[in-house]
């Protein structure tokens, strides 16, 4: 194996792993958004969305 092939394969593997991580984070973010929407639809609200009158 020549040095050029080794370097090209290293870049290809790095690009593949990076794209897989980006895809995983993107899909996980969509799943969390869907879970939040389901919780809010069922009446469960986040504390950060409460107003000052609701906290007391």
N, C-alpha and C. Protein backbone atom coordinates (compact mmCIF):
# COMPACT_ATOMS: atom_id res chain seq x y z
N UNK A 1 0.86 -1.18 0.00
CA UNK A 1 0.00 0.00 0.00
C UNK A 1 0.90 1.24 0.00
N UNK A 2 0.62 2.14 -0.91
CA UNK A 2 1.43 3.35 -1.00
C UNK A 2 0.97 4.36 0.04
N UNK A 3 1.79 5.34 0.25
CA UNK A 3 1.45 6.38 1.21
C UNK A 3 0.21 7.16 0.76
N UNK A 4 0.06 7.37 -0.52
CA UNK A 4 -1.08 8.11 -1.04
C UNK A 4 -2.38 7.38 -0.74
N UNK A 5 -2.39 6.06 -0.92
CA UNK A 5 -3.59 5.27 -0.64
C UNK A 5 -3.89 5.30 0.86
N UNK A 6 -2.86 5.17 1.67
CA UNK A 6 -3.04 5.21 3.12
C UNK A 6 -3.64 6.54 3.56
N UNK A 7 -3.13 7.62 3.04
CA UNK A 7 -3.63 8.95 3.40
C UNK A 7 -5.06 9.14 2.89
N UNK A 8 -5.34 8.70 1.67
CA UNK A 8 -6.69 8.81 1.12
C UNK A 8 -7.68 7.99 1.94
N UNK A 9 -7.30 6.78 2.32
CA UNK A 9 -8.17 5.94 3.15
C UNK A 9 -8.41 6.57 4.52
N UNK A 10 -7.39 7.19 5.08
CA UNK A 10 -7.54 7.85 6.38
C UNK A 10 -8.56 8.99 6.29
N UNK A 11 -8.45 9.79 5.24
CA UNK A 11 -9.41 10.87 5.04
C UNK A 11 -10.82 10.33 4.81
N UNK A 12 -10.93 9.25 4.04
CA UNK A 12 -12.25 8.67 3.75
C UNK A 12 -12.89 8.13 5.02
N UNK A 13 -12.13 7.44 5.85
CA UNK A 13 -12.67 6.90 7.10
C UNK A 13 -13.07 8.04 8.03
N UNK A 14 -12.25 9.06 8.11
CA UNK A 14 -12.56 10.21 8.95
C UNK A 14 -13.82 10.91 8.48
N UNK A 15 -13.98 11.09 7.19
CA UNK A 15 -15.18 11.72 6.64
C UNK A 15 -16.40 10.87 6.92
N UNK A 16 -16.29 9.55 6.76
CA UNK A 16 -17.41 8.65 7.03
C UNK A 16 -17.84 8.71 8.49
N UNK A 17 -16.89 8.65 9.41
CA UNK A 17 -17.20 8.71 10.83
C UNK A 17 -17.83 10.06 11.19
N UNK A 18 -17.30 11.13 10.63
CA UNK A 18 -17.86 12.46 10.90
C UNK A 18 -19.29 12.56 10.39
N UNK A 19 -19.56 12.08 9.20
CA UNK A 19 -20.91 12.11 8.65
C UNK A 19 -21.87 11.24 9.47
N UNK A 20 -21.40 10.10 9.94
CA UNK A 20 -22.22 9.24 10.80
C UNK A 20 -22.57 9.96 12.10
N UNK A 21 -21.62 10.63 12.71
CA UNK A 21 -21.89 11.36 13.95
C UNK A 21 -22.87 12.50 13.72
N UNK A 22 -22.70 13.22 12.63
CA UNK A 22 -23.63 14.32 12.31
C UNK A 22 -25.04 13.76 12.12
N UNK A 23 -25.16 12.66 11.39
CA UNK A 23 -26.46 12.03 11.18
C UNK A 23 -27.09 11.55 12.47
N UNK A 24 -26.29 10.96 13.33
CA UNK A 24 -26.78 10.45 14.60
C UNK A 24 -27.30 11.59 15.47
N UNK A 25 -26.55 12.67 15.58
CA UNK A 25 -26.97 13.82 16.37
C UNK A 25 -28.24 14.44 15.79
N UNK A 26 -28.32 14.54 14.47
CA UNK A 26 -29.50 15.11 13.82
C UNK A 26 -30.74 14.26 14.08
N UNK A 27 -30.61 12.94 13.90
CA UNK A 27 -31.75 12.05 14.14
C UNK A 27 -32.16 12.04 15.61
N UNK A 28 -31.18 12.08 16.51
CA UNK A 28 -31.49 12.11 17.94
C UNK A 28 -32.18 13.41 18.32
N UNK A 29 -31.77 14.52 17.73
CA UNK A 29 -32.41 15.80 17.98
C UNK A 29 -33.86 15.79 17.53
N UNK A 30 -34.12 15.19 16.37
CA UNK A 30 -35.51 15.08 15.90
C UNK A 30 -36.34 14.22 16.85
N UNK A 31 -35.77 13.15 17.36
CA UNK A 31 -36.49 12.28 18.29
C UNK A 31 -36.80 13.02 19.59
N UNK A 32 -35.83 13.81 20.09
CA UNK A 32 -36.08 14.56 21.34
C UNK A 32 -37.15 15.62 21.12
N UNK A 33 -37.13 16.29 19.95
CA UNK A 33 -38.16 17.29 19.64
C UNK A 33 -39.54 16.64 19.59
N UNK A 34 -39.60 15.45 19.01
CA UNK A 34 -40.87 14.73 18.93
C UNK A 34 -41.36 14.35 20.34
N UNK A 35 -40.44 13.91 21.21
CA UNK A 35 -40.81 13.58 22.59
C UNK A 35 -41.31 14.81 23.34
N UNK A 36 -40.63 15.94 23.16
CA UNK A 36 -41.08 17.17 23.81
C UNK A 36 -42.45 17.58 23.33
N UNK A 37 -42.70 17.45 22.04
CA UNK A 37 -44.01 17.81 21.49
C UNK A 37 -45.10 16.90 22.08
N UNK A 38 -44.81 15.61 22.23
CA UNK A 38 -45.77 14.69 22.82
C UNK A 38 -46.05 15.03 24.28
N UNK A 39 -45.01 15.37 25.02
CA UNK A 39 -45.19 15.73 26.43
C UNK A 39 -46.00 17.02 26.57
N UNK A 40 -45.69 18.00 25.75
CA UNK A 40 -46.43 19.27 25.81
C UNK A 40 -47.88 19.07 25.36
N UNK A 41 -48.13 18.19 24.41
CA UNK A 41 -49.49 17.92 23.96
C UNK A 41 -50.30 17.22 25.06
N UNK A 42 -49.61 16.45 25.90
CA UNK A 42 -50.31 15.76 26.99
C UNK A 42 -50.50 16.65 28.21
N UNK A 43 -50.01 17.89 28.15
CA UNK A 43 -50.24 18.83 29.24
C UNK A 43 -49.04 19.08 30.12
N UNK A 44 -47.96 18.37 29.88
CA UNK A 44 -46.75 18.56 30.68
C UNK A 44 -45.97 19.71 30.07
N UNK A 45 -45.66 20.70 30.87
CA UNK A 45 -44.94 21.89 30.39
C UNK A 45 -43.54 21.93 31.00
N UNK A 46 -42.66 22.62 30.30
CA UNK A 46 -41.31 22.82 30.82
C UNK A 46 -41.30 23.97 31.81
N UNK A 47 -40.45 23.86 32.83
CA UNK A 47 -40.35 24.92 33.83
C UNK A 47 -39.90 26.23 33.22
N UNK A 48 -39.07 26.17 32.19
CA UNK A 48 -38.55 27.40 31.58
C UNK A 48 -39.65 28.19 30.87
N UNK A 49 -40.78 27.56 30.55
CA UNK A 49 -41.84 28.26 29.85
C UNK A 49 -42.88 28.85 30.79
N UNK A 50 -42.71 28.67 32.10
CA UNK A 50 -43.65 29.21 33.07
C UNK A 50 -43.44 30.71 33.25
N UNK A 51 -44.54 31.42 33.53
CA UNK A 51 -44.43 32.84 33.84
C UNK A 51 -44.25 33.00 35.34
N UNK A 52 -43.97 34.23 35.78
CA UNK A 52 -43.73 34.49 37.21
C UNK A 52 -44.97 34.15 38.04
N UNK A 53 -46.17 34.36 37.53
CA UNK A 53 -47.39 34.06 38.27
C UNK A 53 -47.64 32.57 38.43
N UNK A 54 -47.15 31.77 37.49
CA UNK A 54 -47.35 30.32 37.55
C UNK A 54 -46.44 29.64 38.56
N UNK A 55 -45.32 30.26 38.89
CA UNK A 55 -44.33 29.64 39.77
C UNK A 55 -44.73 29.66 41.23
N UNK A 56 -45.53 30.60 41.62
CA UNK A 56 -45.87 30.77 43.04
C UNK A 56 -46.87 29.79 43.50
